[in-house]
Protein backbone atom coordinates (compact mmCIF):
# COMPACT_ATOMS: atom_id res chain seq x y z
CA MET A 1 5.12 15.59 -26.94
CA PRO A 2 8.81 14.63 -26.61
CA LYS A 3 9.61 11.80 -24.25
CA ALA A 4 11.50 12.48 -21.03
CA PRO A 5 15.19 11.52 -21.35
CA THR A 6 15.48 7.98 -20.01
CA VAL A 7 18.77 8.47 -18.13
CA THR A 8 17.67 11.71 -16.47
CA ARG A 9 14.30 10.26 -15.56
CA ARG A 10 15.81 7.18 -13.94
CA LEU A 11 18.47 9.16 -12.07
CA PHE A 12 15.85 11.54 -10.72
CA SER A 13 13.44 8.80 -9.71
CA GLY A 14 16.26 6.85 -8.09
CA LEU A 15 17.36 9.89 -6.08
CA ALA A 16 13.79 10.63 -5.01
CA PHE A 17 13.35 7.04 -3.91
CA ALA A 18 16.61 7.03 -1.93
CA LEU A 19 15.60 10.20 -0.08
CA ALA A 20 12.11 8.97 0.64
CA MET A 21 13.30 5.58 1.81
CA GLY A 22 15.37 7.08 4.62
CA GLY A 23 12.78 6.71 7.35
CA TYR A 24 10.73 3.91 5.84
CA TYR A 25 13.07 1.13 4.80
CA GLY A 26 12.04 -2.48 5.32
CA GLU A 27 9.07 -4.79 5.24
CA LYS A 28 6.86 -2.18 6.90
CA LEU A 29 7.16 -0.03 3.78
CA VAL A 30 6.98 -2.51 0.94
CA GLY A 31 4.63 -4.89 2.73
CA ARG A 32 4.04 -8.47 1.71
CA ALA A 33 1.86 -10.40 -0.70
CA VAL A 34 -1.65 -10.95 0.63
CA ALA A 35 -3.87 -13.75 -0.65
CA ALA A 36 -7.44 -12.58 -0.34
CA GLN A 37 -10.01 -14.25 1.88
CA PRO A 38 -12.54 -11.55 1.10
CA ARG A 39 -15.34 -10.67 3.46
CA ASN A 40 -18.80 -10.62 1.90
CA THR A 41 -19.50 -6.91 1.56
CA GLY A 42 -22.21 -7.21 -1.07
CA MET A 43 -20.04 -5.16 -3.43
CA SER A 44 -17.43 -5.73 -6.10
CA VAL A 45 -14.75 -3.72 -7.88
CA PHE A 46 -17.29 -3.05 -10.63
CA ASP A 47 -19.36 -0.90 -8.24
CA PHE A 48 -16.75 1.86 -8.25
CA GLU A 49 -15.90 4.73 -10.55
CA PHE A 50 -12.84 6.88 -11.16
CA ALA A 51 -12.23 9.92 -13.30
CA SER A 52 -9.76 9.24 -16.07
CA ILE A 53 -6.50 11.16 -16.35
CA ASP A 54 -8.22 13.15 -19.12
CA GLY A 55 -11.07 14.10 -16.79
CA GLU A 56 -13.70 11.76 -18.24
CA LYS A 57 -15.85 9.33 -16.24
CA LEU A 58 -14.24 5.92 -15.80
CA PRO A 59 -16.87 3.53 -14.37
CA LEU A 60 -15.42 0.13 -13.64
CA ARG A 61 -18.76 -1.52 -14.44
CA GLN A 62 -17.78 -1.25 -18.11
CA PHE A 63 -15.22 -3.99 -17.37
CA ALA A 64 -17.67 -6.37 -15.65
CA GLY A 65 -16.79 -10.02 -16.23
CA ARG A 66 -13.09 -9.30 -16.81
CA PRO A 67 -10.20 -9.63 -14.33
CA VAL A 68 -8.88 -6.24 -13.22
CA LEU A 69 -5.39 -5.33 -11.98
CA VAL A 70 -5.25 -1.98 -10.15
CA VAL A 71 -1.88 -0.35 -9.40
CA ASN A 72 -1.25 2.94 -7.58
CA THR A 73 1.59 4.69 -9.41
CA ALA A 74 4.00 7.61 -9.03
CA SER A 75 6.35 9.37 -11.42
CA PHE A 76 9.35 9.94 -9.15
CA CYS A 77 9.76 6.69 -7.22
CA GLY A 78 12.43 4.04 -7.28
CA TYR A 79 9.72 1.69 -8.53
CA THR A 80 8.69 4.01 -11.37
CA PRO A 81 10.52 1.86 -13.96
CA GLN A 82 7.78 -0.71 -13.28
CA TYR A 83 5.77 1.29 -15.81
CA THR A 84 7.77 -0.62 -18.42
CA ALA A 85 6.77 -3.96 -16.90
CA LEU A 86 3.16 -2.84 -16.55
CA GLU A 87 3.02 -1.92 -20.23
CA ALA A 88 4.58 -5.29 -21.12
CA LEU A 89 1.93 -7.03 -19.00
CA TRP A 90 -0.79 -5.01 -20.72
CA ASP A 91 0.54 -5.95 -24.15
CA LEU A 92 0.57 -9.60 -23.15
CA TYR A 93 -2.91 -9.84 -21.61
CA LYS A 94 -5.15 -7.07 -22.96
CA ASP A 95 -6.44 -9.18 -25.85
CA LYS A 96 -7.08 -12.07 -23.44
CA GLY A 97 -9.43 -9.98 -21.32
CA LEU A 98 -7.32 -8.44 -18.52
CA VAL A 99 -7.99 -4.84 -17.53
CA LEU A 100 -5.04 -2.87 -16.14
CA LEU A 101 -5.72 0.43 -14.38
CA GLY A 102 -3.03 2.81 -13.18
CA VAL A 103 -4.00 5.11 -10.31
CA PRO A 104 -1.47 7.94 -9.80
CA SER A 105 -1.15 9.04 -6.19
CA ASP A 106 0.94 11.55 -4.25
CA ASP A 107 0.32 9.77 -0.93
CA PHE A 108 3.78 8.26 -0.51
CA GLY A 109 6.90 10.41 -0.34
CA ARG A 110 5.28 13.21 -2.36
CA GLN A 111 6.48 11.38 -5.46
CA GLU A 112 3.58 12.36 -7.73
CA PRO A 113 3.53 16.17 -7.35
CA GLY A 114 2.44 17.11 -10.87
CA SER A 115 -0.90 17.82 -12.48
CA ASN A 116 -2.84 15.18 -14.38
CA ALA A 117 -1.53 16.64 -17.65
CA GLU A 118 2.06 16.43 -16.37
CA ILE A 119 1.54 12.84 -15.20
CA LYS A 120 0.11 11.88 -18.58
CA ALA A 121 3.05 13.47 -20.39
CA PHE A 122 5.49 11.66 -18.11
CA CYS A 123 3.80 8.32 -18.74
CA GLU A 124 4.16 8.87 -22.49
CA GLY A 125 7.89 8.51 -21.89
CA PHE A 126 7.19 4.90 -20.90
CA ASP A 127 4.79 4.38 -23.82
CA VAL A 128 1.95 3.75 -21.36
CA SER A 129 -1.24 2.82 -23.21
CA PHE A 130 -3.29 1.16 -20.46
CA PRO A 131 -6.06 3.18 -18.76
CA MET A 132 -4.97 5.75 -16.20
CA ALA A 133 -7.12 7.41 -13.55
CA GLU A 134 -6.66 10.97 -12.41
CA LYS A 135 -4.40 11.62 -9.41
CA THR A 136 -6.15 9.99 -6.47
CA ILE A 137 -5.86 9.64 -2.69
CA VAL A 138 -5.45 5.95 -1.83
CA THR A 139 -4.84 6.01 1.95
CA GLY A 140 -6.52 7.42 5.02
CA PRO A 141 -10.05 8.74 5.57
CA GLY A 142 -9.95 10.67 2.28
CA ALA A 143 -9.05 7.61 0.21
CA HIS A 144 -11.00 6.80 -2.91
CA PRO A 145 -14.00 4.55 -2.09
CA LEU A 146 -12.40 1.61 -3.92
CA TYR A 147 -9.41 1.66 -1.58
CA ARG A 148 -11.63 1.97 1.48
CA TRP A 149 -13.57 -1.04 0.21
CA ILE A 150 -10.32 -2.99 -0.31
CA ALA A 151 -9.51 -2.49 3.39
CA GLN A 152 -13.02 -3.64 4.30
CA ALA A 153 -12.96 -6.66 1.99
CA MET A 154 -9.35 -7.79 2.48
CA GLY A 155 -8.41 -6.37 5.87
CA GLU A 156 -6.14 -3.54 6.93
CA GLN A 157 -3.04 -5.60 6.07
CA ALA A 158 -3.91 -5.18 2.40
CA ASN A 159 -3.75 -1.37 2.47
CA PRO A 160 -1.14 0.10 0.10
CA ARG A 161 2.05 1.01 1.96
CA TRP A 162 3.92 2.59 -0.93
CA ASN A 163 3.70 3.31 -4.64
CA PHE A 164 3.08 0.45 -7.08
CA PHE A 165 0.98 -1.79 -4.84
CA LYS A 166 -0.97 -4.21 -7.02
CA TYR A 167 -4.49 -5.61 -6.56
CA LEU A 168 -6.01 -8.33 -8.72
CA PHE A 169 -9.78 -8.79 -8.92
CA GLY A 170 -11.49 -11.76 -10.54
CA ARG A 171 -14.19 -11.90 -13.18
CA ASP A 172 -16.73 -11.66 -10.37
CA GLY A 173 -15.16 -8.41 -9.17
CA GLN A 174 -13.91 -9.88 -5.89
CA PRO A 175 -10.30 -9.46 -4.73
CA ILE A 176 -7.96 -12.38 -5.44
CA ALA A 177 -4.63 -11.12 -4.09
CA SER A 178 -2.41 -8.09 -3.61
CA TRP A 179 1.33 -7.65 -4.07
CA PRO A 180 3.68 -5.05 -2.63
CA SER A 181 5.84 -2.59 -4.51
CA ARG A 182 8.89 -4.80 -4.80
CA VAL A 183 7.04 -7.51 -6.77
CA SER A 184 7.41 -6.86 -10.49
CA PRO A 185 4.17 -6.80 -12.49
CA THR A 186 5.64 -9.48 -14.78
CA SER A 187 6.73 -11.75 -11.92
CA PRO A 188 5.73 -15.43 -12.18
CA GLU A 189 3.43 -15.16 -9.15
CA ILE A 190 1.40 -12.31 -10.65
CA ARG A 191 1.26 -13.89 -14.09
CA LYS A 192 0.13 -17.20 -12.57
CA ALA A 193 -2.68 -15.43 -10.71
CA ILE A 194 -3.75 -13.56 -13.85
CA ASP A 195 -3.75 -16.76 -15.90
CA ALA A 196 -5.97 -18.43 -13.31
CA ALA A 197 -8.33 -15.45 -13.21
CA LEU A 198 -8.63 -15.44 -16.98
CA ALA A 199 -9.27 -19.21 -17.00
CA ALA A 200 -12.16 -18.88 -14.57
CA LYS A 201 -15.67 -18.95 -15.99
CA PRO A 202 -17.15 -15.45 -16.41
CA ASN A 203 -19.96 -16.17 -13.94
CA ALA A 204 -17.85 -18.20 -11.48
């Protein structure tokens, strides 16, 4: 399938972001980095399951023993160009053991309005090759169980406040930290945390 024109895509996503930002600008929207002091819930990220963007089962237990970075994404957001950085991060760490999971969501600014097939086609324009879940609710009472568990394990302050929130889980499946939208996936702070997670012993 032909890739979406880069200039048009970026102009559209930038316009969508500018409109959506009108009533939400500031720290309240993008949030802040949260270092996890997880509560003992008796569960881990590996206890949860998504459906893939192709409609197949995507149990996270298949990644047990590997660090996992989960990012809620959207196609028409000012942060959408972070797909490029996410793919670069995936290229850098996939052979070292990191799992990267994109979770498309229409929860913020209605910036992921398309079907799963349309989302997949859009992501092909960014050469996305890391695993993608189907479009998913990530906030509120209808949120996917993983996101409800994140709030339980990390506290309400760790809830996603916009598209492209990032959550890192260790080899033991417990949350390590979260980062808000404005922090690039390839930022030194995220890479440092990933390096430390990969260096940890599998059963630590």
